[in-house]
Amino acid sequence: AQAKREETARNRLASFMCVDIDEVALTANTTQAMRQVARSISWEKGDEFVISSMEHVSTVSLGIGLSTQKGVKLEVVQADQGDAVFLENMKSTLTDRTKLVCVSQIASPDGRVLPINDVCVLAHELGIPVVVDAAQSLGQIPVNIGKLGCDFMVGSGHKWLLGPMGIGILWVSSDNLANFMPDP
């Protein structure tokens, strides 16, 4: 019965997000989903994890943990001076050592919708995957994952989707699904 309820929930989420059910997983929370994405990356000393200055404290602590444990450089791009400045700063921050970019679709500190599509284009020009934190956007604004252009999306079931606590959402694009192997 539990497996059937989970499949039904995943199917409804996939439909709601305009993606295939095989690309959607339920996790304990958004933080766990984000950590699964990070664990799927082969990090080496000197690699870079780039985030916006509007990210949740758990994403910042993930970056600090990667820095401490693996020697990854955490790069924080200021996102509070308008989209044009943010995108210019993002472009100048990305390097051949950047292994992952994380940007929230809606910034929790100020509620601003960040330019996800543009960030994805900049990152993908360099072959860098992008994870979008949609914890503040799923259920708040229409979210068509396929149109965002990201590689991964994490979110929360208990915020704007009004679900119970203890539900996180992880979406992995079909292009990344075969190679998505987070450590246990």
N, C-alpha and C. Protein backbone atom coordinates (compact mmCIF):
# COMPACT_ATOMS: atom_id res chain seq x y z
N ALA A 1 0.83 -1.19 0.00
CA ALA A 1 0.00 0.00 0.00
C ALA A 1 0.87 1.26 0.00
N GLN A 2 1.97 1.23 0.80
CA GLN A 2 2.87 2.39 0.86
C GLN A 2 3.52 2.64 -0.50
N ALA A 3 3.96 1.59 -1.16
CA ALA A 3 4.59 1.74 -2.47
C ALA A 3 3.61 2.33 -3.48
N LYS A 4 2.37 1.92 -3.42
CA LYS A 4 1.34 2.44 -4.33
C LYS A 4 1.10 3.93 -4.08
N ARG A 5 1.05 4.34 -2.80
CA ARG A 5 0.85 5.76 -2.46
C ARG A 5 2.04 6.60 -2.95
N GLU A 6 3.24 6.05 -2.77
CA GLU A 6 4.42 6.78 -3.22
C GLU A 6 4.43 6.92 -4.74
N GLU A 7 4.08 5.86 -5.45
CA GLU A 7 4.02 5.93 -6.91
C GLU A 7 2.96 6.95 -7.36
N THR A 8 1.82 6.96 -6.70
CA THR A 8 0.77 7.92 -7.02
C THR A 8 1.26 9.35 -6.79
N ALA A 9 1.94 9.57 -5.67
CA ALA A 9 2.48 10.90 -5.37
C ALA A 9 3.52 11.32 -6.41
N ARG A 10 4.42 10.40 -6.75
CA ARG A 10 5.45 10.70 -7.77
C ARG A 10 4.80 11.01 -9.11
N ASN A 11 3.77 10.25 -9.46
CA ASN A 11 3.08 10.46 -10.73
C ASN A 11 2.41 11.84 -10.76
N ARG A 12 1.78 12.23 -9.66
CA ARG A 12 1.13 13.55 -9.59
C ARG A 12 2.17 14.67 -9.64
N LEU A 13 3.29 14.48 -8.93
CA LEU A 13 4.36 15.48 -8.97
C LEU A 13 4.93 15.61 -10.37
N ALA A 14 5.18 14.48 -11.02
CA ALA A 14 5.73 14.51 -12.38
C ALA A 14 4.79 15.27 -13.32
N SER A 15 3.50 14.98 -13.22
CA SER A 15 2.53 15.68 -14.05
C SER A 15 2.51 17.17 -13.74
N PHE A 16 2.53 17.51 -12.45
CA PHE A 16 2.51 18.90 -12.01
C PHE A 16 3.74 19.66 -12.51
N MET A 17 4.91 18.98 -12.54
CA MET A 17 6.16 19.62 -12.95
C MET A 17 6.46 19.45 -14.44
N CYS A 18 5.57 18.76 -15.16
CA CYS A 18 5.73 18.55 -16.61
C CYS A 18 6.97 17.72 -16.94
N VAL A 19 7.20 16.64 -16.17
CA VAL A 19 8.33 15.74 -16.39
C VAL A 19 7.85 14.30 -16.34
N ASP A 20 8.75 13.38 -16.64
CA ASP A 20 8.45 11.95 -16.61
C ASP A 20 8.58 11.42 -15.18
N ILE A 21 7.73 10.50 -14.80
CA ILE A 21 7.76 9.95 -13.44
C ILE A 21 9.11 9.31 -13.10
N ASP A 22 9.79 8.74 -14.09
CA ASP A 22 11.08 8.10 -13.83
C ASP A 22 12.17 9.09 -13.44
N GLU A 23 11.92 10.38 -13.64
CA GLU A 23 12.89 11.41 -13.30
C GLU A 23 12.68 11.99 -11.91
N VAL A 24 11.63 11.56 -11.21
CA VAL A 24 11.25 12.14 -9.93
C VAL A 24 11.45 11.15 -8.80
N ALA A 25 12.09 11.61 -7.74
CA ALA A 25 12.24 10.80 -6.53
C ALA A 25 11.77 11.61 -5.32
N LEU A 26 11.27 10.91 -4.33
CA LEU A 26 10.91 11.55 -3.07
C LEU A 26 12.03 11.32 -2.08
N THR A 27 12.36 12.35 -1.32
CA THR A 27 13.41 12.26 -0.31
C THR A 27 12.83 12.75 1.02
N ALA A 28 13.67 12.76 2.04
CA ALA A 28 13.21 13.22 3.36
C ALA A 28 12.99 14.72 3.41
N ASN A 29 13.74 15.48 2.61
CA ASN A 29 13.61 16.93 2.59
C ASN A 29 14.45 17.50 1.44
N THR A 30 14.38 18.80 1.25
CA THR A 30 15.12 19.47 0.19
C THR A 30 16.62 19.33 0.39
N THR A 31 17.07 19.44 1.62
CA THR A 31 18.49 19.34 1.93
C THR A 31 19.03 17.98 1.52
N GLN A 32 18.31 16.91 1.83
CA GLN A 32 18.76 15.58 1.44
C GLN A 32 18.83 15.45 -0.09
N ALA A 33 17.84 16.00 -0.78
CA ALA A 33 17.85 15.95 -2.24
C ALA A 33 19.07 16.69 -2.79
N MET A 34 19.36 17.87 -2.23
CA MET A 34 20.52 18.65 -2.67
C MET A 34 21.82 17.89 -2.42
N ARG A 35 21.90 17.24 -1.28
CA ARG A 35 23.11 16.47 -0.96
C ARG A 35 23.26 15.27 -1.89
N GLN A 36 22.16 14.67 -2.33
CA GLN A 36 22.25 13.57 -3.29
C GLN A 36 22.82 14.07 -4.62
N VAL A 37 22.41 15.24 -5.04
CA VAL A 37 22.97 15.81 -6.26
C VAL A 37 24.47 16.04 -6.08
N ALA A 38 24.85 16.65 -4.97
CA ALA A 38 26.28 16.92 -4.72
C ALA A 38 27.09 15.63 -4.66
N ARG A 39 26.53 14.59 -4.06
CA ARG A 39 27.25 13.31 -3.96
C ARG A 39 27.38 12.61 -5.31
N SER A 40 26.58 13.00 -6.28
CA SER A 40 26.66 12.38 -7.60
C SER A 40 27.81 12.95 -8.43
N ILE A 41 28.44 14.00 -7.94
CA ILE A 41 29.55 14.66 -8.63
C ILE A 41 30.86 14.07 -8.12
N SER A 42 31.81 13.84 -9.04
CA SER A 42 33.15 13.38 -8.65
C SER A 42 34.01 14.60 -8.35
N TRP A 43 34.03 14.99 -7.08
CA TRP A 43 34.75 16.19 -6.65
C TRP A 43 36.22 15.89 -6.45
N GLU A 44 37.06 16.84 -6.84
CA GLU A 44 38.50 16.76 -6.58
C GLU A 44 38.94 18.08 -5.96
N LYS A 45 40.05 18.01 -5.26
CA LYS A 45 40.59 19.22 -4.64
C LYS A 45 40.79 20.29 -5.71
N GLY A 46 40.31 21.51 -5.42
CA GLY A 46 40.42 22.63 -6.35
C GLY A 46 39.20 22.83 -7.23
N ASP A 47 38.28 21.85 -7.25
CA ASP A 47 37.03 22.03 -7.99
C ASP A 47 36.22 23.13 -7.32
N GLU A 48 35.23 23.65 -8.04
CA GLU A 48 34.43 24.77 -7.54
C GLU A 48 32.94 24.42 -7.52
N PHE A 49 32.30 24.83 -6.44
CA PHE A 49 30.85 24.74 -6.28
C PHE A 49 30.36 26.18 -6.23
N VAL A 50 29.57 26.59 -7.23
CA VAL A 50 29.14 27.97 -7.35
C VAL A 50 27.67 28.07 -6.94
N ILE A 51 27.39 29.01 -6.02
CA ILE A 51 26.03 29.25 -5.56
C ILE A 51 25.74 30.74 -5.61
N SER A 52 24.46 31.07 -5.58
CA SER A 52 24.10 32.49 -5.48
C SER A 52 24.13 32.89 -4.01
N SER A 53 24.16 34.18 -3.77
CA SER A 53 24.15 34.68 -2.40
C SER A 53 22.77 34.55 -1.76
N MET A 54 21.80 34.06 -2.51
CA MET A 54 20.43 33.93 -2.01
C MET A 54 20.09 32.50 -1.61
N GLU A 55 21.08 31.64 -1.50
CA GLU A 55 20.80 30.24 -1.21
C GLU A 55 20.51 29.99 0.26
N HIS A 56 19.77 28.93 0.50
CA HIS A 56 19.40 28.52 1.85
C HIS A 56 20.65 28.13 2.63
N VAL A 57 20.62 28.29 3.93
CA VAL A 57 21.76 28.00 4.79
C VAL A 57 22.23 26.55 4.62
N SER A 58 21.34 25.61 4.32
CA SER A 58 21.76 24.22 4.16
C SER A 58 22.62 24.05 2.91
N THR A 59 22.38 24.85 1.87
CA THR A 59 23.22 24.78 0.67
C THR A 59 24.58 25.40 0.96
N VAL A 60 24.60 26.48 1.71
CA VAL A 60 25.87 27.09 2.11
C VAL A 60 26.67 26.10 2.95
N SER A 61 26.01 25.42 3.89
CA SER A 61 26.73 24.45 4.73
C SER A 61 27.20 23.26 3.91
N LEU A 62 26.47 22.89 2.87
CA LEU A 62 26.93 21.84 1.96
C LEU A 62 28.23 22.28 1.30
N GLY A 63 28.27 23.50 0.83
CA GLY A 63 29.48 24.03 0.21
C GLY A 63 30.66 24.08 1.18
N ILE A 64 30.40 24.47 2.41
CA ILE A 64 31.45 24.50 3.43
C ILE A 64 31.95 23.08 3.70
N GLY A 65 31.03 22.13 3.76
CA GLY A 65 31.41 20.74 3.95
C GLY A 65 32.25 20.20 2.81
N LEU A 66 31.88 20.53 1.58
CA LEU A 66 32.69 20.11 0.43
C LEU A 66 34.08 20.72 0.49
N SER A 67 34.15 21.95 0.94
CA SER A 67 35.43 22.63 1.08
C SER A 67 36.30 21.94 2.12
N THR A 68 35.71 21.67 3.28
CA THR A 68 36.45 21.04 4.38
C THR A 68 36.85 19.61 4.06
N GLN A 69 35.93 18.83 3.51
CA GLN A 69 36.17 17.41 3.30
C GLN A 69 36.92 17.08 2.02
N LYS A 70 36.70 17.87 0.96
CA LYS A 70 37.27 17.52 -0.34
C LYS A 70 38.15 18.59 -0.95
N GLY A 71 38.27 19.74 -0.29
CA GLY A 71 39.10 20.81 -0.84
C GLY A 71 38.44 21.57 -1.98
N VAL A 72 37.10 21.50 -2.04
CA VAL A 72 36.35 22.20 -3.07
C VAL A 72 36.23 23.68 -2.69
N LYS A 73 36.37 24.55 -3.67
CA LYS A 73 36.26 25.99 -3.43
C LYS A 73 34.79 26.40 -3.58
N LEU A 74 34.23 26.98 -2.55
CA LEU A 74 32.86 27.50 -2.59
C LEU A 74 32.90 28.93 -3.11
N GLU A 75 32.24 29.16 -4.25
CA GLU A 75 32.15 30.50 -4.84
C GLU A 75 30.73 31.00 -4.68
N VAL A 76 30.57 32.18 -4.08
CA VAL A 76 29.25 32.76 -3.86
C VAL A 76 29.12 33.99 -4.76
N VAL A 77 28.13 33.94 -5.65
CA VAL A 77 27.88 35.03 -6.59
C VAL A 77 26.78 35.92 -6.04
N GLN A 78 27.07 37.21 -5.88
CA GLN A 78 26.08 38.16 -5.37
C GLN A 78 24.90 38.22 -6.31
N ALA A 79 23.70 38.08 -5.75
CA ALA A 79 22.49 38.06 -6.56
C ALA A 79 21.49 39.12 -6.13
N ASP A 80 21.95 40.11 -5.37
CA ASP A 80 21.02 41.10 -4.82
C ASP A 80 21.16 42.47 -5.47
N GLN A 81 21.80 42.53 -6.64
CA GLN A 81 21.99 43.82 -7.31
C GLN A 81 21.33 43.86 -8.68
N GLY A 82 20.33 43.03 -8.89
CA GLY A 82 19.63 42.99 -10.17
C GLY A 82 20.14 41.87 -11.05
N ASP A 83 19.30 41.45 -11.97
CA ASP A 83 19.63 40.30 -12.82
C ASP A 83 20.84 40.52 -13.70
N ALA A 84 20.98 41.69 -14.30
CA ALA A 84 22.09 41.94 -15.22
C ALA A 84 23.43 41.82 -14.49
N VAL A 85 23.53 42.42 -13.32
CA VAL A 85 24.77 42.34 -12.53
C VAL A 85 25.01 40.91 -12.07
N PHE A 86 23.95 40.25 -11.61
CA PHE A 86 24.06 38.85 -11.18
C PHE A 86 24.60 37.97 -12.30
N LEU A 87 24.02 38.11 -13.49
CA LEU A 87 24.46 37.27 -14.61
C LEU A 87 25.89 37.58 -15.03
N GLU A 88 26.26 38.84 -15.00
CA GLU A 88 27.64 39.20 -15.34
C GLU A 88 28.60 38.62 -14.31
N ASN A 89 28.23 38.71 -13.02
CA ASN A 89 29.06 38.13 -11.96
C ASN A 89 29.14 36.60 -12.10
N MET A 90 28.01 35.98 -12.45
CA MET A 90 27.99 34.53 -12.64
C MET A 90 28.93 34.14 -13.77
N LYS A 91 28.82 34.84 -14.88
CA LYS A 91 29.66 34.54 -16.04
C LYS A 91 31.14 34.65 -15.70
N SER A 92 31.52 35.67 -14.96
CA SER A 92 32.93 35.87 -14.63
C SER A 92 33.43 34.90 -13.55
N THR A 93 32.51 34.26 -12.82
CA THR A 93 32.88 33.32 -11.76
C THR A 93 33.10 31.91 -12.29
N LEU A 94 32.34 31.52 -13.31
CA LEU A 94 32.43 30.16 -13.83
C LEU A 94 33.77 29.91 -14.49
N THR A 95 34.37 28.75 -14.19
CA THR A 95 35.66 28.39 -14.77
C THR A 95 35.62 26.91 -15.19
N ASP A 96 36.72 26.46 -15.73
CA ASP A 96 36.81 25.05 -16.11
C ASP A 96 36.91 24.14 -14.89
N ARG A 97 37.05 24.71 -13.69
CA ARG A 97 37.08 23.92 -12.45
C ARG A 97 35.71 23.87 -11.78
N THR A 98 34.73 24.63 -12.29
CA THR A 98 33.39 24.62 -11.72
C THR A 98 32.71 23.30 -12.07
N LYS A 99 32.29 22.57 -11.02
CA LYS A 99 31.67 21.26 -11.22
C LYS A 99 30.15 21.29 -11.07
N LEU A 100 29.61 22.32 -10.38
CA LEU A 100 28.17 22.40 -10.16
C LEU A 100 27.79 23.82 -9.80
N VAL A 101 26.65 24.27 -10.35
CA VAL A 101 26.07 25.57 -10.02
C VAL A 101 24.73 25.32 -9.35
N CYS A 102 24.46 26.03 -8.28
CA CYS A 102 23.18 25.94 -7.58
C CYS A 102 22.56 27.33 -7.47
N VAL A 103 21.31 27.44 -7.94
CA VAL A 103 20.59 28.71 -7.86
C VAL A 103 19.15 28.42 -7.49
N SER A 104 18.61 29.17 -6.57
CA SER A 104 17.19 29.07 -6.22
C SER A 104 16.35 29.74 -7.29
N GLN A 105 15.19 29.17 -7.60
CA GLN A 105 14.31 29.79 -8.56
C GLN A 105 13.69 31.04 -7.95
N ILE A 106 13.24 30.93 -6.70
CA ILE A 106 12.78 32.10 -5.95
C ILE A 106 13.70 32.24 -4.75
N ALA A 107 14.29 33.40 -4.62
CA ALA A 107 15.21 33.66 -3.51
C ALA A 107 14.41 33.80 -2.22
N SER A 108 14.71 32.96 -1.24
CA SER A 108 13.93 33.02 0.00
C SER A 108 14.15 34.31 0.78
N PRO A 109 15.31 34.97 0.73
CA PRO A 109 15.45 36.21 1.50
C PRO A 109 14.55 37.35 1.01
N ASP A 110 14.31 37.43 -0.32
CA ASP A 110 13.54 38.57 -0.80
C ASP A 110 12.41 38.22 -1.77
N GLY A 111 12.21 36.96 -2.08
CA GLY A 111 11.10 36.53 -2.92
C GLY A 111 11.26 36.82 -4.40
N ARG A 112 12.44 37.23 -4.80
CA ARG A 112 12.68 37.56 -6.21
C ARG A 112 12.86 36.29 -7.03
N VAL A 113 12.29 36.28 -8.24
CA VAL A 113 12.50 35.17 -9.16
C VAL A 113 13.83 35.41 -9.87
N LEU A 114 14.75 34.45 -9.71
CA LEU A 114 16.07 34.59 -10.31
C LEU A 114 16.05 34.09 -11.76
N PRO A 115 16.96 34.59 -12.60
CA PRO A 115 16.97 34.25 -14.03
C PRO A 115 17.59 32.87 -14.31
N ILE A 116 16.85 31.84 -13.97
CA ILE A 116 17.34 30.47 -14.06
C ILE A 116 17.77 30.10 -15.48
N ASN A 117 16.92 30.41 -16.47
CA ASN A 117 17.26 30.05 -17.85
C ASN A 117 18.60 30.63 -18.27
N ASP A 118 18.84 31.89 -17.93
CA ASP A 118 20.10 32.54 -18.30
C ASP A 118 21.29 31.91 -17.58
N VAL A 119 21.12 31.56 -16.32
CA VAL A 119 22.19 30.89 -15.57
C VAL A 119 22.50 29.55 -16.23
N CYS A 120 21.46 28.81 -16.60
CA CYS A 120 21.67 27.51 -17.24
C CYS A 120 22.43 27.65 -18.56
N VAL A 121 22.07 28.65 -19.35
CA VAL A 121 22.78 28.87 -20.62
C VAL A 121 24.25 29.16 -20.36
N LEU A 122 24.54 30.05 -19.43
CA LEU A 122 25.94 30.38 -19.11
C LEU A 122 26.72 29.15 -18.65
N ALA A 123 26.12 28.38 -17.76
CA ALA A 123 26.80 27.20 -17.23
C ALA A 123 26.97 26.13 -18.30
N HIS A 124 25.94 25.90 -19.07
CA HIS A 124 25.99 24.85 -20.08
C HIS A 124 26.97 25.17 -21.21
N GLU A 125 27.23 26.45 -21.45
CA GLU A 125 28.25 26.82 -22.44
C GLU A 125 29.61 26.25 -22.05
N LEU A 126 29.81 26.05 -20.74
CA LEU A 126 31.07 25.49 -20.24
C LEU A 126 30.92 24.04 -19.81
N GLY A 127 29.76 23.44 -20.09
CA GLY A 127 29.54 22.04 -19.74
C GLY A 127 29.30 21.80 -18.26
N ILE A 128 28.83 22.82 -17.56
CA ILE A 128 28.62 22.75 -16.11
C ILE A 128 27.15 22.45 -15.82
N PRO A 129 26.87 21.43 -15.01
CA PRO A 129 25.48 21.15 -14.65
C PRO A 129 24.94 22.17 -13.64
N VAL A 130 23.61 22.34 -13.66
CA VAL A 130 22.94 23.30 -12.79
C VAL A 130 21.85 22.57 -11.99
N VAL A 131 21.85 22.81 -10.68
CA VAL A 131 20.77 22.33 -9.83
C VAL A 131 19.97 23.56 -9.38
N VAL A 132 18.66 23.47 -9.54
CA VAL A 132 17.76 24.55 -9.14
C VAL A 132 17.08 24.16 -7.84
N ASP A 133 17.13 25.05 -6.88
CA ASP A 133 16.39 24.86 -5.63
C ASP A 133 15.02 25.50 -5.83
N ALA A 134 14.01 24.64 -5.94
CA ALA A 134 12.65 25.11 -6.18
C ALA A 134 11.78 25.00 -4.93
N ALA A 135 12.40 24.97 -3.76
CA ALA A 135 11.63 24.84 -2.51
C ALA A 135 10.65 25.99 -2.33
N GLN A 136 11.02 27.18 -2.80
CA GLN A 136 10.15 28.35 -2.64
C GLN A 136 9.24 28.58 -3.84
N SER A 137 9.46 27.83 -4.93
CA SER A 137 8.67 28.10 -6.15
C SER A 137 7.61 27.05 -6.46
N LEU A 138 7.87 25.77 -6.18
CA LEU A 138 6.88 24.74 -6.48
C LEU A 138 5.60 25.01 -5.71
N GLY A 139 4.52 25.23 -6.42
CA GLY A 139 3.24 25.55 -5.80
C GLY A 139 3.00 27.04 -5.65
N GLN A 140 4.02 27.83 -5.80
CA GLN A 140 3.93 29.29 -5.67
C GLN A 140 3.76 29.95 -7.04
N ILE A 141 4.54 29.46 -8.02
CA ILE A 141 4.47 29.93 -9.40
C ILE A 141 4.48 28.70 -10.30
N PRO A 142 4.02 28.84 -11.55
CA PRO A 142 4.11 27.70 -12.46
C PRO A 142 5.58 27.30 -12.67
N VAL A 143 5.87 26.01 -12.53
CA VAL A 143 7.23 25.52 -12.70
C VAL A 143 7.20 24.40 -13.74
N ASN A 144 7.70 24.72 -14.93
CA ASN A 144 7.85 23.72 -15.98
C ASN A 144 9.34 23.42 -16.05
N ILE A 145 9.74 22.32 -15.43
CA ILE A 145 11.16 21.99 -15.29
C ILE A 145 11.85 21.94 -16.65
N GLY A 146 11.22 21.33 -17.63
CA GLY A 146 11.83 21.21 -18.95
C GLY A 146 12.18 22.55 -19.57
N LYS A 147 11.40 23.57 -19.27
CA LYS A 147 11.65 24.90 -19.83
C LYS A 147 12.72 25.67 -19.05
N LEU A 148 13.04 25.22 -17.83
CA LEU A 148 14.07 25.92 -17.06
C LEU A 148 15.46 25.68 -17.63
N GLY A 149 15.67 24.50 -18.20
CA GLY A 149 16.98 24.19 -18.78
C GLY A 149 17.98 23.65 -17.80
N CYS A 150 17.55 23.31 -16.60
CA CYS A 150 18.49 22.82 -15.58
C CYS A 150 18.69 21.31 -15.70
N ASP A 151 19.64 20.81 -14.96
CA ASP A 151 19.98 19.38 -14.97
C ASP A 151 19.35 18.65 -13.79
N PHE A 152 19.21 19.36 -12.68
CA PHE A 152 18.63 18.80 -11.45
C PHE A 152 17.73 19.86 -10.83
N MET A 153 16.74 19.41 -10.10
CA MET A 153 15.87 20.31 -9.35
C MET A 153 15.57 19.65 -8.02
N VAL A 154 15.63 20.43 -6.97
CA VAL A 154 15.25 19.95 -5.64
C VAL A 154 14.14 20.84 -5.12
N GLY A 155 13.30 20.26 -4.28
CA GLY A 155 12.19 21.05 -3.76
C GLY A 155 11.61 20.44 -2.51
N SER A 156 10.57 21.08 -2.03
CA SER A 156 9.94 20.70 -0.78
C SER A 156 8.46 20.45 -0.99
N GLY A 157 7.96 19.40 -0.36
CA GLY A 157 6.54 19.11 -0.44
C GLY A 157 5.73 19.84 0.61
N HIS A 158 6.38 20.30 1.68
CA HIS A 158 5.62 20.87 2.79
C HIS A 158 5.44 22.39 2.74
N LYS A 159 6.10 23.06 1.83
CA LYS A 159 5.96 24.51 1.78
C LYS A 159 4.74 24.87 0.95
N TRP A 160 4.92 25.30 -0.26
CA TRP A 160 3.81 25.80 -1.09
C TRP A 160 2.97 24.70 -1.71
N LEU A 161 3.45 23.45 -1.65
CA LEU A 161 2.61 22.34 -2.11
C LEU A 161 1.68 21.86 -1.01
N LEU A 162 1.91 22.39 0.22
CA LEU A 162 1.04 22.14 1.37
C LEU A 162 0.96 20.66 1.75
N GLY A 163 2.02 19.92 1.49
CA GLY A 163 2.09 18.52 1.89
C GLY A 163 2.61 18.40 3.31
N PRO A 164 2.78 17.18 3.76
CA PRO A 164 3.28 16.96 5.12
C PRO A 164 4.78 17.24 5.22
N MET A 165 5.24 17.50 6.43
CA MET A 165 6.68 17.63 6.68
C MET A 165 7.34 16.30 6.33
N GLY A 166 8.61 16.37 5.95
CA GLY A 166 9.35 15.14 5.67
C GLY A 166 9.24 14.67 4.23
N ILE A 167 8.90 15.59 3.32
CA ILE A 167 8.83 15.24 1.91
C ILE A 167 9.72 16.21 1.13
N GLY A 168 10.76 15.66 0.54
CA GLY A 168 11.60 16.43 -0.37
C GLY A 168 11.42 15.87 -1.76
N ILE A 169 11.78 16.66 -2.74
CA ILE A 169 11.60 16.27 -4.14
C ILE A 169 12.94 16.40 -4.85
N LEU A 170 13.27 15.39 -5.60
CA LEU A 170 14.49 15.40 -6.42
C LEU A 170 14.10 15.06 -7.85
N TRP A 171 14.46 15.93 -8.77
CA TRP A 171 14.27 15.67 -10.19
C TRP A 171 15.64 15.62 -10.84
N VAL A 172 15.86 14.61 -11.66
CA VAL A 172 17.09 14.45 -12.42
C VAL A 172 16.69 14.37 -13.89
N SER A 173 17.27 15.22 -14.73
CA SER A 173 16.92 15.23 -16.15
C SER A 173 17.23 13.87 -16.77
N SER A 174 16.48 13.52 -17.78
CA SER A 174 16.69 12.23 -18.44
C SER A 174 18.11 12.11 -18.99
N ASP A 175 18.73 13.24 -19.39
CA ASP A 175 20.10 13.23 -19.88
C ASP A 175 21.10 12.84 -18.80
N ASN A 176 20.79 13.10 -17.54
CA ASN A 176 21.69 12.83 -16.42
C ASN A 176 21.32 11.58 -15.64
N LEU A 177 20.16 11.03 -15.91
CA LEU A 177 19.64 9.94 -15.10
C LEU A 177 20.53 8.70 -15.12
N ALA A 178 21.02 8.30 -16.27
CA ALA A 178 21.83 7.08 -16.39
C ALA A 178 23.12 7.17 -15.58
N ASN A 179 23.67 8.37 -15.46
CA ASN A 179 24.95 8.54 -14.74
C ASN A 179 24.77 9.07 -13.32
N PHE A 180 23.53 9.19 -12.87
CA PHE A 180 23.27 9.74 -11.54
C PHE A 180 23.47 8.63 -10.52
N MET A 181 24.57 8.70 -9.80
CA MET A 181 24.92 7.67 -8.83
C MET A 181 25.40 8.31 -7.53
N PRO A 182 24.49 8.84 -6.72
CA PRO A 182 24.93 9.43 -5.46
C PRO A 182 25.46 8.33 -4.52
N ASP A 183 26.50 8.66 -3.80
CA ASP A 183 27.03 7.71 -2.81
C ASP A 183 25.96 7.44 -1.76
N PRO A 184 26.02 6.26 -1.11
CA PRO A 184 25.04 5.97 -0.05
C PRO A 184 25.19 6.90 1.14
